[in-house]
Amino acid sequence: MVVNPNNTDHVINLIPRYIPTGEISLVIDGTDTIDVTYSVDTKDNLNLSFTYGFTDETSYSVLINDSVTNEELFRGLILATTQVTQEYKLTNFKYIW
């Protein structure tokens, strides 16, 4: 997932391991627990909205848990960059869209 560090309000969409029935928790880099609101669309994608100040050109680990069952819904990485994704220096010219 890619976020723009110039903004503090973020929306990410992901496919969870299962659909939560109550509150969820978002933990960034194993230490910062963030308040998050979510919705589930018709294709069972989890749409998260949260506020967090990311640093440009930095990657973060993210863990999303079901607060009721304490089971893991999603684990992954977030990349904070202001560069256009297709022109990011690590992948530029590697993928053709």
Protein backbone atom coordinates (compact mmCIF):
# COMPACT_ATOMS: atom_id res chain seq x y z
CA MET A 1 0.00 0.00 0.00
CA VAL A 2 1.15 3.51 -0.73
CA VAL A 3 0.20 6.65 1.21
CA ASN A 4 1.00 10.30 0.63
CA PRO A 5 2.95 11.67 3.63
CA ASN A 6 1.83 15.24 2.78
CA ASN A 7 -1.64 14.30 4.06
CA THR A 8 -2.51 13.08 7.53
CA ASP A 9 -5.92 11.64 6.60
CA HIS A 10 -5.63 8.32 4.77
CA VAL A 11 -7.97 5.82 3.15
CA ILE A 12 -6.73 2.35 2.27
CA ASN A 13 -8.59 -0.56 0.74
CA LEU A 14 -7.58 -4.16 1.32
CA ILE A 15 -8.81 -7.72 1.27
CA PRO A 16 -8.96 -9.05 4.86
CA ARG A 17 -8.60 -12.67 5.94
CA TYR A 18 -12.21 -12.46 7.10
CA ILE A 19 -14.85 -9.76 7.61
CA PRO A 20 -14.81 -8.29 11.15
CA THR A 21 -18.04 -7.98 13.12
CA GLY A 22 -17.00 -5.23 15.55
CA GLU A 23 -14.18 -2.84 16.31
CA ILE A 24 -10.75 -3.29 14.73
CA SER A 25 -7.31 -2.03 15.72
CA LEU A 26 -4.58 -0.73 13.40
CA VAL A 27 -1.01 -1.05 14.69
CA ILE A 28 1.82 0.66 12.83
CA ASP A 29 5.41 -0.56 13.35
CA GLY A 30 4.31 -2.64 16.34
CA THR A 31 3.99 0.38 18.65
CA ASP A 32 1.46 2.95 17.39
CA THR A 33 -2.17 1.89 17.75
CA ILE A 34 -4.35 4.10 15.55
CA ASP A 35 -8.09 4.81 15.76
CA VAL A 36 -9.68 3.60 12.55
CA THR A 37 -13.13 3.57 11.01
CA TYR A 38 -13.99 1.01 8.38
CA SER A 39 -16.63 -0.15 5.98
CA VAL A 40 -17.02 -3.27 3.88
CA ASP A 41 -17.97 -2.92 0.22
CA THR A 42 -20.00 -5.31 -1.93
CA LYS A 43 -16.84 -7.23 -2.92
CA ASP A 44 -15.88 -7.79 0.76
CA ASN A 45 -13.00 -5.30 0.60
CA LEU A 46 -12.19 -3.55 3.86
CA ASN A 47 -12.05 0.23 3.42
CA LEU A 48 -10.14 1.88 6.29
CA SER A 49 -10.03 5.59 7.18
CA PHE A 50 -7.51 6.87 9.71
CA THR A 51 -5.27 9.79 10.61
CA TYR A 52 -1.51 9.36 10.95
CA GLY A 53 1.58 11.43 10.17
CA PHE A 54 3.87 9.38 7.93
CA THR A 55 7.43 10.37 6.97
CA ASP A 56 8.30 10.66 3.28
CA GLU A 57 10.33 7.82 1.72
CA THR A 58 9.73 5.49 4.67
CA SER A 59 8.11 2.06 4.91
CA TYR A 60 5.98 0.91 7.83
CA SER A 61 4.67 -2.46 8.95
CA VAL A 62 0.94 -2.60 9.54
CA LEU A 63 -1.13 -5.08 11.53
CA ILE A 64 -4.93 -5.02 11.64
CA ASN A 65 -6.66 -7.06 14.34
CA ASP A 66 -10.26 -7.80 15.17
CA SER A 67 -10.65 -6.20 18.61
CA VAL A 68 -13.39 -8.63 19.63
CA THR A 69 -11.62 -11.92 18.81
CA ASN A 70 -8.05 -10.52 18.75
CA GLU A 71 -7.50 -12.43 15.48
CA GLU A 72 -5.35 -11.02 12.71
CA LEU A 73 -7.28 -9.56 9.76
CA PHE A 74 -4.35 -8.28 7.73
CA ARG A 75 -0.57 -7.87 7.91
CA GLY A 76 1.46 -5.92 5.38
CA LEU A 77 3.56 -2.88 4.54
CA ILE A 78 2.81 0.77 3.87
CA LEU A 79 5.15 2.90 1.79
CA ALA A 80 4.97 6.66 2.34
CA THR A 81 6.05 8.56 -0.75
CA THR A 82 5.09 11.63 -2.75
CA GLN A 83 6.37 10.08 -5.97
CA VAL A 84 3.97 8.69 -8.54
CA THR A 85 3.85 4.94 -7.92
CA GLN A 86 4.78 4.01 -11.51
CA GLU A 87 7.80 6.32 -11.35
CA TYR A 88 9.07 5.27 -7.93
CA LYS A 89 12.84 4.91 -8.11
CA LEU A 90 12.84 1.23 -7.03
CA THR A 91 10.34 0.13 -9.67
CA ASN A 92 10.79 2.69 -12.45
CA PHE A 93 11.04 0.87 -15.81
CA LYS A 94 10.53 -2.49 -14.10
CA TYR A 95 6.78 -2.67 -14.70
CA ILE A 96 5.00 -1.40 -17.79
CA TRP A 97 1.36 -0.28 -17.38
